[in-house]
Protein backbone atom coordinates (compact mmCIF):
# COMPACT_ATOMS: atom_id res chain seq x y z
CA MET A 1 -0.62 -23.46 13.74
CA ALA A 2 -2.47 -20.15 13.39
CA LYS A 3 -3.49 -18.85 9.97
CA ILE A 4 -2.64 -15.29 8.92
CA PHE A 5 -6.03 -14.57 7.37
CA PRO A 6 -9.61 -14.45 8.74
CA HIS A 7 -12.01 -17.32 8.07
CA ARG A 8 -14.90 -15.41 6.47
CA PRO A 9 -14.76 -14.82 2.68
CA ILE A 10 -15.33 -11.18 1.79
CA LEU A 11 -13.80 -10.05 -1.51
CA SER A 12 -13.38 -11.40 -4.98
CA PRO A 13 -9.87 -10.66 -6.31
CA ALA A 14 -11.33 -9.02 -9.44
CA ASN A 15 -12.93 -6.14 -7.49
CA LEU A 16 -10.94 -2.93 -7.19
CA MET A 17 -13.69 -1.09 -5.32
CA THR A 18 -16.48 -2.44 -3.11
CA TYR A 19 -19.50 -1.18 -1.23
CA LYS A 20 -18.42 -2.53 2.14
CA ARG A 21 -15.36 -2.51 4.36
CA GLU A 22 -12.70 -5.03 3.29
CA THR A 23 -9.87 -6.66 5.25
CA TYR A 24 -6.55 -7.78 3.78
CA THR A 25 -3.38 -9.34 5.14
CA VAL A 26 -0.14 -7.73 3.96
CA TRP A 27 2.94 -9.94 4.24
CA MET A 28 6.08 -7.86 3.76
CA LYS A 29 7.78 -10.62 1.74
CA SER A 30 8.10 -11.09 -2.00
CA LEU A 31 6.95 -14.27 -3.74
CA VAL A 32 10.05 -14.13 -5.96
CA CYS A 33 13.28 -15.47 -4.44
CA HIS A 34 16.00 -12.94 -3.68
CA THR A 35 13.85 -9.88 -4.34
CA ASN A 36 12.11 -7.34 -2.14
CA GLY A 37 8.40 -6.63 -2.04
CA CYS A 38 5.19 -7.76 -0.39
CA THR A 39 2.24 -10.09 -0.93
CA VAL A 40 -1.38 -9.17 -0.18
CA PHE A 41 -4.03 -11.78 0.70
CA ASP A 42 -7.78 -11.31 0.82
CA SER A 43 -9.91 -12.66 3.67
CA ASN A 44 -10.09 -16.08 1.94
CA GLY A 45 -6.31 -16.38 2.01
CA ASP A 46 -6.04 -15.88 -1.76
CA ILE A 47 -3.30 -13.67 -3.19
CA VAL A 48 -4.80 -10.46 -4.57
CA TYR A 49 -1.78 -8.17 -5.07
CA ARG A 50 1.97 -8.56 -5.33
CA VAL A 51 4.63 -5.90 -5.13
CA GLU A 52 7.96 -6.75 -6.69
CA ASN A 53 11.10 -4.69 -6.32
CA TYR A 54 13.43 -6.62 -8.60
CA ASP A 55 16.56 -4.47 -8.30
CA THR A 56 17.42 -3.65 -4.72
CA LYS A 57 15.70 -2.55 -1.56
CA CYS A 58 14.18 0.94 -1.95
CA SER A 59 14.46 0.85 -5.74
CA ASN A 60 13.46 3.82 -7.91
CA GLU A 61 10.95 1.72 -9.84
CA VAL A 62 8.51 -0.77 -8.29
CA TYR A 63 5.50 -2.66 -9.68
CA LEU A 64 2.12 -3.34 -8.09
CA MET A 65 0.70 -6.45 -9.77
CA ASP A 66 -2.26 -8.74 -9.53
CA LEU A 67 -1.95 -12.48 -8.81
CA ARG A 68 -1.15 -13.30 -12.44
CA GLY A 69 1.73 -10.82 -12.58
CA ARG A 70 -0.16 -8.25 -14.64
CA VAL A 71 1.18 -4.80 -13.73
CA LEU A 72 -1.53 -2.50 -12.35
CA VAL A 73 0.62 0.43 -11.20
CA THR A 74 4.23 1.42 -11.80
CA ILE A 75 5.68 3.48 -8.95
CA LEU A 76 8.62 5.76 -9.71
CA ARG A 77 10.77 7.87 -7.39
CA ARG A 78 11.99 11.26 -8.58
CA LYS A 79 14.62 13.09 -6.56
CA ARG A 80 14.74 16.85 -6.37
CA LEU A 81 17.94 18.23 -4.95
CA LEU A 82 19.42 15.86 -2.36
CA VAL A 83 16.67 15.52 0.24
CA PHE A 84 13.38 16.16 -1.56
CA GLU A 85 11.95 13.11 -3.23
CA ARG A 86 8.54 12.50 -4.67
CA TRP A 87 6.90 9.28 -5.69
CA TYR A 88 4.54 8.99 -8.65
CA GLY A 89 2.14 6.19 -9.54
CA TYR A 90 1.26 5.44 -13.15
CA ARG A 91 -1.78 3.32 -13.84
CA TRP A 92 -1.48 0.69 -16.54
CA ASN A 93 -4.12 0.15 -19.16
CA ILE A 94 -4.47 -2.90 -21.42
CA ARG A 95 -1.70 -1.77 -23.77
CA ASN A 96 0.89 -0.07 -21.56
CA VAL A 97 1.63 2.51 -18.90
CA ASN A 98 1.13 6.21 -19.52
CA LYS A 99 4.25 7.80 -18.02
CA GLN A 100 3.27 11.26 -19.23
CA LYS A 101 0.58 11.88 -16.61
CA PRO A 102 0.81 10.28 -13.15
CA TRP A 103 -2.28 8.84 -11.52
CA PHE A 104 -1.11 10.03 -8.08
CA GLY A 105 1.85 11.67 -6.37
CA VAL A 106 3.24 11.29 -2.83
CA LYS A 107 5.51 13.68 -1.01
CA LYS A 108 6.93 13.27 2.45
CA SER A 109 5.82 15.96 4.92
CA CYS A 110 8.05 17.85 7.28
CA SER A 111 7.48 16.20 10.67
CA ILE A 112 7.96 19.50 12.54
CA CYS A 113 5.34 21.30 10.43
CA MET A 114 2.77 18.55 9.97
CA GLY A 115 2.85 16.63 13.28
CA ASN A 116 1.54 13.09 12.76
CA PHE A 117 0.97 13.64 9.02
CA SER A 118 3.95 11.93 7.42
CA CYS A 119 2.95 12.03 3.71
CA GLU A 120 0.64 13.98 1.45
CA ILE A 121 -0.99 12.18 -1.49
CA SER A 122 -2.46 13.95 -4.53
CA VAL A 123 -4.88 12.05 -6.78
CA GLY A 124 -6.09 14.57 -9.35
CA PHE A 125 -7.89 17.21 -7.27
CA ASP A 126 -8.30 14.88 -4.26
CA ARG A 127 -5.91 14.98 -1.30
CA PHE A 128 -5.11 12.27 1.23
CA TRP A 129 -2.64 12.10 4.11
CA ILE A 130 -0.86 9.29 5.90
CA VAL A 131 -1.18 9.67 9.67
CA LYS A 132 1.26 7.75 11.87
CA LEU A 133 -0.24 6.02 14.88
CA SER A 134 1.46 5.32 18.21
CA GLN A 135 1.71 1.55 17.58
CA LYS A 136 4.79 0.49 15.61
CA ALA A 137 4.12 0.09 11.85
CA ALA A 138 0.54 1.39 12.29
CA PHE A 139 -0.86 4.23 10.21
CA ARG A 140 -4.04 5.53 8.62
CA ILE A 141 -4.82 7.06 5.27
CA VAL A 142 -7.28 9.94 5.69
CA ASP A 143 -9.06 12.15 3.17
CA TYR A 144 -9.22 15.96 3.13
CA GLU A 145 -12.09 15.92 5.67
CA GLY A 146 -10.12 13.73 8.07
CA ASP A 147 -12.22 10.61 7.44
CA VAL A 148 -10.26 7.33 7.52
CA VAL A 149 -10.21 5.52 4.15
CA ALA A 150 -7.72 2.79 5.17
CA GLU A 151 -5.85 1.63 8.27
CA VAL A 152 -2.78 -0.57 8.63
CA LYS A 153 -1.65 -2.22 11.86
CA LYS A 154 0.20 -5.34 12.99
CA LYS A 155 -1.89 -8.45 12.44
CA GLN A 156 -2.98 -10.48 15.45
CA SER A 157 -4.60 -13.89 15.76
CA LEU A 158 -8.04 -14.31 17.32
CA ALA A 159 -6.23 -15.13 20.59
CA GLY A 160 -4.41 -11.77 20.43
CA ASN A 161 -0.99 -13.11 19.45
CA GLY A 162 1.04 -11.19 16.88
CA PHE A 163 2.42 -12.73 13.70
CA GLY A 164 5.58 -10.61 13.67
CA ASP A 165 6.56 -7.22 12.31
CA ASP A 166 6.25 -8.33 8.68
CA VAL A 167 2.55 -9.37 8.80
CA LEU A 168 0.09 -6.48 8.74
CA SER A 169 -3.68 -6.13 8.69
CA LEU A 170 -5.16 -3.67 6.17
CA ILE A 171 -8.74 -2.43 6.46
CA VAL A 172 -10.10 -0.50 3.46
CA GLU A 173 -13.31 1.49 3.79
CA PRO A 174 -16.05 1.31 1.10
CA HIS A 175 -15.99 3.28 -2.17
CA ILE A 176 -12.21 3.64 -2.44
CA ASP A 177 -10.02 2.08 -5.13
CA HIS A 178 -8.12 -0.80 -3.49
CA SER A 179 -5.26 -0.63 -6.01
CA LEU A 180 -4.76 3.05 -5.09
CA ILE A 181 -4.60 2.16 -1.39
CA MET A 182 -2.11 -0.65 -2.09
CA ALA A 183 0.03 1.68 -4.20
CA ILE A 184 0.06 4.29 -1.41
CA ILE A 185 1.02 1.61 1.14
CA THR A 186 3.80 0.50 -1.20
CA VAL A 187 5.17 4.04 -1.41
CA TYR A 188 5.03 4.37 2.38
CA GLY A 189 6.93 1.09 2.71
CA LEU A 190 9.57 2.36 0.29
CA ILE A 191 9.90 5.68 2.13
CA ASN A 192 10.39 3.79 5.40
CA ARG A 193 12.81 1.31 3.76
CA LYS A 194 10.57 -1.72 4.36
CA MET A 195 10.74 -2.88 0.70
């Protein structure tokens, strides 16, 4: 039986940012029975992140956690009017979450105006965009200069066989916060009703 993760060890689960490219496996299944979410494995096959959506699919409040269940980011959806919704991520510190000032915000882009850009992400003064790719479930996160900071696509074995629509490969470029990338991927999954 094929494994869903590469054989070479690359990342320690404690690192949120590294100096080299990292590869993860994203399994669009929750570890908790009867809930929605996803589980993220590093290249050793160890669980690094969990996303739990305890209420229902496409909930208004979702949690990005580490392996031990410690909340790293709370993601909240805010609706404006009937069709405009924005997602905000709040980073947790040791004591609690600061819900006064979001760490990042995501808004869905108009597909007619923005072409392949499906979401705009604001992190302080930095801007990122999600770019849809032609392959199903594949997309990139690019910075304001158009440089790719992360890419998601369907995972394949070394023989080229796919693992199904719910197993994805995530490549994160150096010098970017991995928890930020996972939070953005979580929001994109919620927007597309995958979680």
